[in-house]
Structure formats: C-alpha cells, structure tokens
C-alpha cells in the first residue's frame, strides 16, 4: 500500500505562484510514475502533469509552460510548481501513483491507470 499526502494548496491571486507537494509512503517510490490531476466543481477530473520513474515529464496543454513537475526520490516526494496561475486553474488537485512499468504518455495521462490517490488539496485563484 502507498499513502499519498498532498500539501501546499491555498488561495492566490491571478498571476501568482504556488508549489504543491505530495509525500508518499513506501520503499519503491522511485519506481512509480507520479501524476497530478485536478477537478473543478461540476467538471470531470483532468490530467495536469506526470513524471515517470525515468524522469520523463508530460503536461496538459493548458498548463504547459506554466507548471513544472519534479520528484525527489530521496524524500519520496513529488512537486508541482505552478506559476502564472489563472482563475481557470481553480480546482482540487490530486496526487497519484502508478506502480506499473508501462509509463508512456498515453498511460500516465489517464486517471484509471493509477493505483493510489491522495485526498486532494484545494487551489483557488482569484481574478
């Protein structure tokens, strides 16, 4: 079992920045693909960013150039640095972990392929 705990959400003005963190339990963190997804009220959960065990990174077009995903295997933590935030970035952000060895973009950008999820952290961007 892997437990994921997100932190770093909050209220920020448009154009501002936030860094989300996700701390994972378990000894095999470095083998997992880690993803960030978000869900706004009344909308489906959507892919934001992912990083594979080999440090390949993938982003949704809506956040490319503004968000950066990174991992620190020594700390069992994945980060999402968010800059130039927009009101449409407002959502609950979820951290996820995939244990499978297949970690192509098509796989890691798809929520059903993840095995573990955090409880989510709220990000609110005011205009």
N, C-alpha and C. Protein backbone atom coordinates (compact mmCIF):
# COMPACT_ATOMS: atom_id res chain seq x y z
N UNK A 1 0.82 -1.19 0.00
CA UNK A 1 0.00 0.00 0.00
C UNK A 1 0.85 1.25 0.00
N UNK A 2 0.41 2.25 -0.70
CA UNK A 2 1.08 3.54 -0.75
C UNK A 2 0.09 4.60 -0.29
N UNK A 3 0.54 5.42 0.61
CA UNK A 3 -0.28 6.55 1.05
C UNK A 3 0.31 7.84 0.50
N UNK A 4 -0.55 8.69 -0.01
CA UNK A 4 -0.12 9.95 -0.60
C UNK A 4 -0.77 11.10 0.15
N UNK A 5 0.02 12.08 0.52
CA UNK A 5 -0.49 13.22 1.27
C UNK A 5 -0.05 14.50 0.57
N UNK A 6 -1.03 15.24 0.05
CA UNK A 6 -0.74 16.50 -0.63
C UNK A 6 -0.73 17.66 0.36
N UNK A 7 0.02 18.68 -0.01
CA UNK A 7 0.04 19.92 0.76
C UNK A 7 0.42 21.06 -0.17
N UNK A 8 0.20 22.29 0.31
CA UNK A 8 0.64 23.45 -0.45
C UNK A 8 -0.45 24.21 -1.16
N UNK A 9 -1.67 23.70 -1.12
CA UNK A 9 -2.76 24.43 -1.76
C UNK A 9 -3.12 25.68 -1.00
N UNK A 10 -3.97 26.50 -1.61
CA UNK A 10 -4.38 27.73 -0.95
C UNK A 10 -5.02 28.69 -1.92
N UNK A 11 -5.14 29.93 -1.45
CA UNK A 11 -5.74 31.00 -2.23
C UNK A 11 -4.63 31.91 -2.75
N UNK A 12 -4.66 32.20 -4.04
CA UNK A 12 -3.64 33.04 -4.65
C UNK A 12 -4.30 33.92 -5.71
N UNK A 13 -3.73 35.08 -5.94
CA UNK A 13 -4.25 35.95 -6.98
C UNK A 13 -3.78 35.50 -8.35
N UNK A 14 -4.54 35.84 -9.35
CA UNK A 14 -4.14 35.52 -10.72
C UNK A 14 -2.75 36.08 -11.00
N UNK A 15 -1.95 35.28 -11.67
CA UNK A 15 -0.57 35.65 -11.95
C UNK A 15 0.42 35.19 -10.90
N UNK A 16 -0.10 34.70 -9.78
CA UNK A 16 0.75 34.26 -8.70
C UNK A 16 1.24 32.83 -8.88
N UNK A 17 1.91 32.34 -7.84
CA UNK A 17 2.52 31.01 -7.88
C UNK A 17 2.19 30.23 -6.62
N UNK A 18 2.18 28.93 -6.77
CA UNK A 18 2.05 28.00 -5.65
C UNK A 18 2.88 26.77 -5.96
N UNK A 19 3.34 26.11 -4.91
CA UNK A 19 4.02 24.83 -5.09
C UNK A 19 3.28 23.78 -4.27
N UNK A 20 2.79 22.77 -4.96
CA UNK A 20 2.17 21.65 -4.30
C UNK A 20 3.21 20.57 -4.04
N UNK A 21 3.04 19.88 -2.92
CA UNK A 21 3.91 18.76 -2.59
C UNK A 21 3.04 17.54 -2.33
N UNK A 22 3.61 16.38 -2.61
CA UNK A 22 2.92 15.12 -2.35
C UNK A 22 3.94 14.16 -1.76
N UNK A 23 3.75 13.83 -0.50
CA UNK A 23 4.65 12.91 0.20
C UNK A 23 4.06 11.51 0.13
N UNK A 24 4.90 10.56 -0.26
CA UNK A 24 4.46 9.18 -0.43
C UNK A 24 5.12 8.26 0.58
N UNK A 25 4.37 7.29 1.05
CA UNK A 25 4.94 6.25 1.91
C UNK A 25 5.44 5.13 1.00
N UNK A 26 6.19 4.20 1.56
CA UNK A 26 6.61 3.05 0.78
C UNK A 26 8.06 3.11 0.36
N UNK A 27 8.61 1.95 0.05
CA UNK A 27 10.04 1.85 -0.24
C UNK A 27 10.36 1.90 -1.72
N UNK A 28 9.34 1.84 -2.58
CA UNK A 28 9.60 1.73 -4.01
C UNK A 28 9.13 2.97 -4.75
N UNK A 29 9.16 4.11 -4.08
CA UNK A 29 8.69 5.35 -4.69
C UNK A 29 9.36 5.62 -6.02
N UNK A 30 10.63 5.34 -6.12
CA UNK A 30 11.38 5.68 -7.33
C UNK A 30 10.88 4.90 -8.55
N UNK A 31 10.18 3.80 -8.34
CA UNK A 31 9.68 3.00 -9.47
C UNK A 31 8.32 3.47 -9.98
N UNK A 32 7.67 4.33 -9.22
CA UNK A 32 6.32 4.75 -9.58
C UNK A 32 6.34 5.91 -10.57
N UNK A 33 5.38 5.90 -11.45
CA UNK A 33 5.05 7.12 -12.16
C UNK A 33 4.14 7.93 -11.23
N UNK A 34 4.38 9.23 -11.17
CA UNK A 34 3.59 10.10 -10.30
C UNK A 34 2.84 11.11 -11.16
N UNK A 35 1.60 11.33 -10.81
CA UNK A 35 0.79 12.25 -11.60
C UNK A 35 0.06 13.24 -10.74
N UNK A 36 -0.29 14.34 -11.35
CA UNK A 36 -1.17 15.34 -10.75
C UNK A 36 -2.39 15.47 -11.66
N UNK A 37 -3.54 15.41 -11.03
CA UNK A 37 -4.81 15.62 -11.71
C UNK A 37 -5.56 16.71 -10.95
N UNK A 38 -6.58 17.26 -11.57
CA UNK A 38 -7.39 18.26 -10.88
C UNK A 38 -8.85 18.10 -11.26
N UNK A 39 -9.69 18.58 -10.36
CA UNK A 39 -11.12 18.51 -10.61
C UNK A 39 -11.78 19.79 -10.11
N UNK A 40 -12.38 20.50 -11.03
CA UNK A 40 -13.12 21.70 -10.70
C UNK A 40 -14.58 21.35 -10.46
N UNK A 41 -15.31 22.18 -9.73
CA UNK A 41 -16.73 21.88 -9.46
C UNK A 41 -17.51 21.68 -10.74
N UNK A 42 -18.25 20.59 -10.79
CA UNK A 42 -19.10 20.31 -11.94
C UNK A 42 -18.37 19.78 -13.16
N UNK A 43 -17.07 19.53 -12.99
CA UNK A 43 -16.27 19.03 -14.12
C UNK A 43 -15.63 17.70 -13.78
N UNK A 44 -15.22 17.00 -14.83
CA UNK A 44 -14.54 15.73 -14.62
C UNK A 44 -13.09 15.96 -14.21
N UNK A 45 -12.53 14.95 -13.56
CA UNK A 45 -11.13 15.03 -13.19
C UNK A 45 -10.29 15.04 -14.47
N UNK A 46 -9.29 15.92 -14.51
CA UNK A 46 -8.47 16.02 -15.71
C UNK A 46 -6.98 15.94 -15.38
N UNK A 47 -6.25 15.47 -16.34
CA UNK A 47 -4.80 15.34 -16.23
C UNK A 47 -4.14 16.70 -16.20
N UNK A 48 -3.13 16.83 -15.35
CA UNK A 48 -2.35 18.07 -15.28
C UNK A 48 -0.90 17.81 -15.70
N UNK A 49 -0.25 16.87 -15.01
CA UNK A 49 1.16 16.61 -15.28
C UNK A 49 1.53 15.24 -14.71
N UNK A 50 2.60 14.67 -15.26
CA UNK A 50 3.09 13.39 -14.77
C UNK A 50 4.59 13.32 -14.95
N UNK A 51 5.21 12.50 -14.11
CA UNK A 51 6.65 12.24 -14.22
C UNK A 51 6.86 10.75 -14.05
N UNK A 52 7.62 10.16 -14.95
CA UNK A 52 7.83 8.73 -14.90
C UNK A 52 9.01 8.37 -14.00
N UNK A 53 9.24 7.08 -13.83
CA UNK A 53 10.36 6.63 -13.00
C UNK A 53 11.70 7.01 -13.62
N UNK A 54 11.68 7.28 -14.92
CA UNK A 54 12.90 7.70 -15.61
C UNK A 54 12.95 9.21 -15.79
N UNK A 55 12.07 9.92 -15.10
CA UNK A 55 12.05 11.38 -15.08
C UNK A 55 11.57 12.02 -16.38
N UNK A 56 10.87 11.25 -17.20
CA UNK A 56 10.20 11.87 -18.34
C UNK A 56 8.99 12.62 -17.81
N UNK A 57 8.76 13.81 -18.34
CA UNK A 57 7.64 14.62 -17.85
C UNK A 57 6.65 14.89 -18.97
N UNK A 58 5.39 14.99 -18.59
CA UNK A 58 4.31 15.24 -19.54
C UNK A 58 3.35 16.23 -18.91
N UNK A 59 2.77 17.07 -19.76
CA UNK A 59 1.88 18.12 -19.28
C UNK A 59 0.64 18.23 -20.15
N UNK A 60 -0.44 18.65 -19.51
CA UNK A 60 -1.61 19.02 -20.29
C UNK A 60 -1.30 20.31 -21.03
N UNK A 61 -1.89 20.48 -22.19
CA UNK A 61 -1.63 21.68 -22.98
C UNK A 61 -2.00 22.94 -22.21
N UNK A 62 -2.99 22.85 -21.36
CA UNK A 62 -3.49 24.03 -20.64
C UNK A 62 -2.50 24.55 -19.61
N UNK A 63 -1.52 23.72 -19.21
CA UNK A 63 -0.58 24.15 -18.18
C UNK A 63 0.86 24.18 -18.68
N UNK A 64 1.08 23.73 -19.89
CA UNK A 64 2.43 23.65 -20.42
C UNK A 64 3.08 25.04 -20.43
N UNK A 65 4.29 25.11 -19.94
CA UNK A 65 5.00 26.38 -19.87
C UNK A 65 4.73 27.15 -18.59
N UNK A 66 3.73 26.73 -17.83
CA UNK A 66 3.40 27.43 -16.57
C UNK A 66 3.64 26.54 -15.35
N UNK A 67 3.44 25.24 -15.51
CA UNK A 67 3.59 24.29 -14.41
C UNK A 67 4.82 23.42 -14.65
N UNK A 68 5.45 23.00 -13.57
CA UNK A 68 6.60 22.11 -13.64
C UNK A 68 6.45 21.01 -12.60
N UNK A 69 6.57 19.77 -13.04
CA UNK A 69 6.52 18.63 -12.12
C UNK A 69 7.94 18.14 -11.89
N UNK A 70 8.23 17.75 -10.66
CA UNK A 70 9.56 17.25 -10.31
C UNK A 70 9.41 16.26 -9.17
N UNK A 71 10.41 15.41 -9.03
CA UNK A 71 10.38 14.43 -7.95
C UNK A 71 11.71 14.41 -7.22
N UNK A 72 11.64 14.07 -5.95
CA UNK A 72 12.83 13.88 -5.12
C UNK A 72 12.71 12.49 -4.52
N UNK A 73 13.39 11.53 -5.11
CA UNK A 73 13.24 10.15 -4.65
C UNK A 73 13.81 9.94 -3.25
N UNK A 74 14.77 10.74 -2.87
CA UNK A 74 15.34 10.62 -1.53
C UNK A 74 14.33 11.02 -0.46
N UNK A 75 13.39 11.89 -0.84
CA UNK A 75 12.37 12.35 0.10
C UNK A 75 11.00 11.74 -0.17
N UNK A 76 10.93 10.85 -1.16
CA UNK A 76 9.64 10.24 -1.52
C UNK A 76 8.58 11.31 -1.78
N UNK A 77 8.95 12.33 -2.50
CA UNK A 77 8.06 13.47 -2.69
C UNK A 77 8.05 13.90 -4.16
N UNK A 78 6.87 14.27 -4.61
CA UNK A 78 6.72 14.85 -5.94
C UNK A 78 6.14 16.26 -5.76
N UNK A 79 6.58 17.15 -6.63
CA UNK A 79 6.18 18.55 -6.52
C UNK A 79 5.47 19.00 -7.80
N UNK A 80 4.63 19.98 -7.65
CA UNK A 80 4.05 20.66 -8.80
C UNK A 80 4.21 22.15 -8.58
N UNK A 81 5.14 22.74 -9.30
CA UNK A 81 5.34 24.18 -9.23
C UNK A 81 4.41 24.84 -10.23
N UNK A 82 3.55 25.71 -9.73
CA UNK A 82 2.55 26.35 -10.58
C UNK A 82 2.82 27.85 -10.61
N UNK A 83 2.97 28.39 -11.80
CA UNK A 83 3.23 29.81 -11.98
C UNK A 83 2.22 30.40 -12.95
N UNK A 84 2.17 31.71 -12.97
CA UNK A 84 1.22 32.41 -13.85
C UNK A 84 -0.18 31.82 -13.74
N UNK A 85 -0.60 31.66 -12.52
CA UNK A 85 -1.89 31.00 -12.28
C UNK A 85 -3.05 31.83 -12.81
N UNK A 86 -4.06 31.11 -13.27
CA UNK A 86 -5.26 31.72 -13.83
C UNK A 86 -6.48 31.27 -13.03
N UNK A 87 -7.55 32.04 -13.06
CA UNK A 87 -8.75 31.60 -12.34
C UNK A 87 -9.23 30.22 -12.78
N UNK A 88 -9.01 29.88 -14.04
CA UNK A 88 -9.45 28.57 -14.52
C UNK A 88 -8.60 27.42 -13.99
N UNK A 89 -7.52 27.73 -13.27
CA UNK A 89 -6.73 26.69 -12.60
C UNK A 89 -7.35 26.29 -11.26
N UNK A 90 -8.38 27.00 -10.85
CA UNK A 90 -9.03 26.69 -9.58
C UNK A 90 -9.64 25.29 -9.62
N UNK A 91 -9.25 24.48 -8.64
CA UNK A 91 -9.71 23.08 -8.60
C UNK A 91 -9.13 22.42 -7.35
N UNK A 92 -9.61 21.22 -7.10
CA UNK A 92 -8.94 20.35 -6.13
C UNK A 92 -7.89 19.57 -6.91
N UNK A 93 -6.67 19.61 -6.42
CA UNK A 93 -5.55 18.94 -7.08
C UNK A 93 -5.23 17.64 -6.35
N UNK A 94 -5.13 16.58 -7.12
CA UNK A 94 -4.88 15.26 -6.58
C UNK A 94 -3.54 14.71 -7.06
N UNK A 95 -2.83 14.12 -6.14
CA UNK A 95 -1.60 13.41 -6.44
C UNK A 95 -1.93 11.94 -6.64
N UNK A 96 -1.22 11.28 -7.55
CA UNK A 96 -1.50 9.88 -7.82
C UNK A 96 -0.20 9.14 -8.12
N UNK A 97 -0.25 7.82 -7.92
CA UNK A 97 0.92 6.98 -8.14
C UNK A 97 0.54 5.75 -8.94
N UNK A 98 1.38 5.43 -9.90
CA UNK A 98 1.17 4.25 -10.74
C UNK A 98 2.33 3.30 -10.55
N UNK A 99 2.03 2.06 -10.20
CA UNK A 99 3.08 1.08 -9.95
C UNK A 99 3.52 0.36 -11.22
N UNK A 100 2.70 0.34 -12.25
CA UNK A 100 3.01 -0.42 -13.44
C UNK A 100 4.25 0.08 -14.16
N UNK A 101 4.93 -0.83 -14.85
CA UNK A 101 6.17 -0.47 -15.53
C UNK A 101 5.91 0.26 -16.84
N UNK A 102 4.73 0.10 -17.42
CA UNK A 102 4.40 0.82 -18.64
C UNK A 102 4.05 2.26 -18.27
N UNK A 103 4.87 3.19 -18.71
CA UNK A 103 4.70 4.58 -18.29
C UNK A 103 4.83 5.53 -19.48
N UNK A 104 4.15 5.20 -20.55
CA UNK A 104 4.11 6.10 -21.71
C UNK A 104 3.18 7.28 -21.42
N UNK A 105 3.22 8.26 -22.29
CA UNK A 105 2.37 9.43 -22.06
C UNK A 105 0.89 9.06 -22.03
N UNK A 106 0.50 8.19 -22.95
CA UNK A 106 -0.91 7.79 -23.02
C UNK A 106 -1.36 7.14 -21.71
N UNK A 107 -0.46 6.42 -21.09
CA UNK A 107 -0.81 5.72 -19.85
C UNK A 107 -0.82 6.69 -18.67
N UNK A 108 0.24 7.46 -18.51
CA UNK A 108 0.35 8.29 -17.30
C UNK A 108 -0.56 9.51 -17.35
N UNK A 109 -1.14 9.80 -18.50
CA UNK A 109 -2.08 10.91 -18.59
C UNK A 109 -3.53 10.46 -18.37
N UNK A 110 -3.71 9.22 -18.01
CA UNK A 110 -5.04 8.64 -17.87
C UNK A 110 -5.28 8.21 -16.42
N UNK A 111 -6.28 8.81 -15.78
CA UNK A 111 -6.53 8.54 -14.36
C UNK A 111 -6.78 7.07 -14.03
N UNK A 112 -7.50 6.31 -14.85
CA UNK A 112 -7.75 4.91 -14.49
C UNK A 112 -6.49 4.05 -14.38
N UNK A 113 -5.38 4.52 -14.90
CA UNK A 113 -4.14 3.74 -14.86
C UNK A 113 -3.37 3.93 -13.55
N UNK A 114 -3.90 4.77 -12.67
CA UNK A 114 -3.20 4.99 -11.41
C UNK A 114 -3.76 4.11 -10.30
N UNK A 115 -2.87 3.70 -9.41
CA UNK A 115 -3.22 2.75 -8.37
C UNK A 115 -3.56 3.42 -7.04
N UNK A 116 -2.96 4.55 -6.79
CA UNK A 116 -3.12 5.21 -5.50
C UNK A 116 -3.39 6.70 -5.70
N UNK A 117 -4.18 7.24 -4.78
CA UNK A 117 -4.58 8.64 -4.85
C UNK A 117 -4.49 9.30 -3.48
N UNK A 118 -4.13 10.57 -3.49
CA UNK A 118 -4.19 11.36 -2.28
C UNK A 118 -5.59 11.91 -2.06
N UNK A 119 -5.74 12.64 -0.98
CA UNK A 119 -7.06 13.16 -0.61
C UNK A 119 -7.38 14.47 -1.31
N UNK A 120 -6.39 15.09 -1.91
CA UNK A 120 -6.61 16.32 -2.66
C UNK A 120 -6.30 17.56 -1.85
N UNK A 121 -5.92 18.62 -2.55
CA UNK A 121 -5.68 19.91 -1.92
C UNK A 121 -6.31 20.99 -2.79
N UNK A 122 -6.98 21.93 -2.15
CA UNK A 122 -7.71 22.95 -2.88
C UNK A 122 -6.77 24.06 -3.33
N UNK A 123 -6.90 24.43 -4.58
CA UNK A 123 -6.20 25.60 -5.13
C UNK A 123 -7.27 26.55 -5.67
N UNK A 124 -7.25 27.77 -5.17
CA UNK A 124 -8.20 28.78 -5.61
C UNK A 124 -7.44 29.98 -6.12
N UNK A 125 -7.73 30.37 -7.36
CA UNK A 125 -7.07 31.51 -7.98
C UNK A 125 -8.11 32.60 -8.18
N UNK A 126 -7.89 33.72 -7.54
CA UNK A 126 -8.84 34.83 -7.64
C UNK A 126 -8.43 35.77 -8.77
N UNK A 127 -9.44 36.37 -9.40
CA UNK A 127 -9.16 37.29 -10.52
C UNK A 127 -8.96 38.71 -10.03
